[in-house]
């Protein structure tokens, strides 16, 4: 069964309490995941109070 790089990345991260890799994974997702990345970016600003990113 084919899988995407996103599925593999998120499976490797799996445990979101892993602080050592959390930020790097989120940076990859926000930069390279299209609409999913935009959703993550939006949620990140709402949950973490981060400033909005500029395009």
N, C-alpha and C. Protein backbone atom coordinates (compact mmCIF):
# COMPACT_ATOMS: atom_id res chain seq x y z
N UNK A 1 0.84 -1.16 0.00
CA UNK A 1 0.00 0.00 0.00
C UNK A 1 0.90 1.25 0.00
N UNK A 2 0.73 2.11 -0.98
CA UNK A 2 1.54 3.33 -1.05
C UNK A 2 1.19 4.29 0.10
N UNK A 3 2.19 5.00 0.55
CA UNK A 3 2.00 6.03 1.57
C UNK A 3 2.74 7.28 1.15
N UNK A 4 2.35 8.40 1.73
CA UNK A 4 3.02 9.67 1.42
C UNK A 4 4.11 9.94 2.45
N UNK A 5 4.96 10.91 2.12
CA UNK A 5 6.01 11.28 3.06
C UNK A 5 5.42 11.84 4.35
N UNK A 6 4.24 12.48 4.23
CA UNK A 6 3.59 13.03 5.42
C UNK A 6 3.21 11.92 6.39
N UNK A 7 2.63 10.86 5.86
CA UNK A 7 2.25 9.74 6.72
C UNK A 7 3.46 9.15 7.43
N UNK A 8 4.55 9.01 6.69
CA UNK A 8 5.77 8.46 7.28
C UNK A 8 6.31 9.40 8.35
N UNK A 9 6.39 10.69 8.04
CA UNK A 9 6.89 11.67 9.01
C UNK A 9 6.07 11.67 10.29
N UNK A 10 4.75 11.71 10.15
CA UNK A 10 3.89 11.77 11.33
C UNK A 10 3.92 10.47 12.11
N UNK A 11 4.11 9.35 11.43
CA UNK A 11 4.25 8.07 12.13
C UNK A 11 5.56 8.02 12.91
N UNK A 12 6.63 8.53 12.32
CA UNK A 12 7.90 8.59 13.05
C UNK A 12 7.78 9.47 14.29
N UNK A 13 7.12 10.61 14.15
CA UNK A 13 6.93 11.50 15.30
C UNK A 13 6.02 10.82 16.33
N UNK A 14 4.94 10.31 15.88
CA UNK A 14 3.93 9.55 16.62
C UNK A 14 3.61 10.10 18.00
N UNK A 15 4.57 10.11 18.89
CA UNK A 15 4.36 10.59 20.25
C UNK A 15 4.65 12.10 20.28
N UNK A 16 3.60 12.91 20.32
CA UNK A 16 3.76 14.35 20.21
C UNK A 16 4.33 14.99 21.47
N UNK A 17 4.58 14.18 22.49
CA UNK A 17 5.25 14.72 23.68
C UNK A 17 6.76 14.72 23.51
N UNK A 18 7.26 14.20 22.39
CA UNK A 18 8.70 14.22 22.11
C UNK A 18 9.11 15.64 21.73
N UNK A 19 9.55 16.38 22.71
CA UNK A 19 9.88 17.79 22.49
C UNK A 19 11.10 17.99 21.59
N UNK A 20 12.00 17.02 21.59
CA UNK A 20 13.25 17.16 20.82
C UNK A 20 13.00 17.28 19.32
N UNK A 21 11.93 16.66 18.82
CA UNK A 21 11.67 16.67 17.38
C UNK A 21 10.40 17.42 17.00
N UNK A 22 9.62 17.84 17.97
CA UNK A 22 8.32 18.47 17.69
C UNK A 22 8.45 19.69 16.78
N UNK A 23 9.31 20.63 17.14
CA UNK A 23 9.42 21.87 16.37
C UNK A 23 9.91 21.62 14.95
N UNK A 24 10.87 20.71 14.79
CA UNK A 24 11.38 20.41 13.44
C UNK A 24 10.30 19.78 12.57
N UNK A 25 9.51 18.88 13.15
CA UNK A 25 8.42 18.25 12.39
C UNK A 25 7.38 19.30 12.01
N UNK A 26 7.03 20.16 12.95
CA UNK A 26 6.03 21.19 12.66
C UNK A 26 6.53 22.17 11.60
N UNK A 27 7.81 22.50 11.62
CA UNK A 27 8.37 23.38 10.59
C UNK A 27 8.27 22.74 9.21
N UNK A 28 8.60 21.46 9.11
CA UNK A 28 8.48 20.75 7.83
C UNK A 28 7.04 20.73 7.34
N UNK A 29 6.13 20.42 8.23
CA UNK A 29 4.72 20.33 7.86
C UNK A 29 4.20 21.69 7.41
N UNK A 30 4.50 22.74 8.16
CA UNK A 30 3.99 24.07 7.80
C UNK A 30 4.57 24.57 6.48
N UNK A 31 5.82 24.24 6.19
CA UNK A 31 6.47 24.73 4.97
C UNK A 31 6.11 23.92 3.73
N UNK A 32 5.89 22.62 3.87
CA UNK A 32 5.82 21.76 2.69
C UNK A 32 4.55 20.93 2.56
N UNK A 33 3.52 21.21 3.35
CA UNK A 33 2.34 20.35 3.33
C UNK A 33 1.08 21.02 2.79
N UNK A 34 1.22 22.06 2.03
CA UNK A 34 0.07 22.67 1.38
C UNK A 34 -1.03 23.06 2.35
N UNK A 35 -2.28 22.65 2.03
CA UNK A 35 -3.43 23.02 2.85
C UNK A 35 -3.32 22.46 4.26
N UNK A 36 -2.79 21.26 4.40
CA UNK A 36 -2.61 20.68 5.74
C UNK A 36 -1.64 21.55 6.55
N UNK A 37 -0.59 21.98 5.91
CA UNK A 37 0.38 22.85 6.57
C UNK A 37 -0.23 24.18 6.98
N UNK A 38 -1.11 24.71 6.15
CA UNK A 38 -1.79 25.95 6.49
C UNK A 38 -2.69 25.76 7.70
N UNK A 39 -3.37 24.61 7.76
CA UNK A 39 -4.21 24.31 8.92
C UNK A 39 -3.40 24.18 10.19
N UNK A 40 -2.25 23.53 10.08
CA UNK A 40 -1.36 23.39 11.23
C UNK A 40 -0.85 24.76 11.66
N UNK A 41 -0.51 25.59 10.70
CA UNK A 41 -0.03 26.94 10.99
C UNK A 41 -1.11 27.74 11.72
N UNK A 42 -2.34 27.65 11.24
CA UNK A 42 -3.46 28.35 11.88
C UNK A 42 -3.64 27.86 13.32
N UNK A 43 -3.66 26.54 13.50
CA UNK A 43 -3.83 25.98 14.84
C UNK A 43 -2.67 26.39 15.75
N UNK A 44 -1.47 26.43 15.20
CA UNK A 44 -0.29 26.80 15.99
C UNK A 44 -0.43 28.23 16.51
N UNK A 45 -0.96 29.13 15.69
CA UNK A 45 -1.14 30.51 16.15
C UNK A 45 -2.23 30.60 17.22
N UNK A 46 -3.27 29.77 17.10
CA UNK A 46 -4.36 29.80 18.07
C UNK A 46 -3.96 29.16 19.40
N UNK A 47 -3.29 28.02 19.35
CA UNK A 47 -2.95 27.27 20.56
C UNK A 47 -1.74 27.85 21.28
N UNK A 48 -0.69 28.14 20.52
CA UNK A 48 0.56 28.60 21.12
C UNK A 48 0.68 30.12 21.18
N UNK A 49 -0.27 30.82 20.59
CA UNK A 49 -0.21 32.27 20.59
C UNK A 49 0.92 32.82 19.74
N UNK A 50 1.38 32.01 18.78
CA UNK A 50 2.48 32.42 17.91
C UNK A 50 1.99 33.50 16.94
N UNK A 51 2.86 34.39 16.52
CA UNK A 51 2.46 35.40 15.53
C UNK A 51 2.18 34.75 14.19
N UNK A 52 1.31 35.37 13.40
CA UNK A 52 1.01 34.86 12.07
C UNK A 52 2.24 34.94 11.20
N UNK A 53 2.42 33.90 10.36
CA UNK A 53 3.54 33.92 9.42
C UNK A 53 3.13 34.72 8.20
N UNK A 54 4.07 35.39 7.62
CA UNK A 54 3.84 36.13 6.38
C UNK A 54 4.24 35.27 5.20
N UNK A 55 3.51 35.37 4.11
CA UNK A 55 3.79 34.55 2.92
C UNK A 55 5.07 34.92 2.25
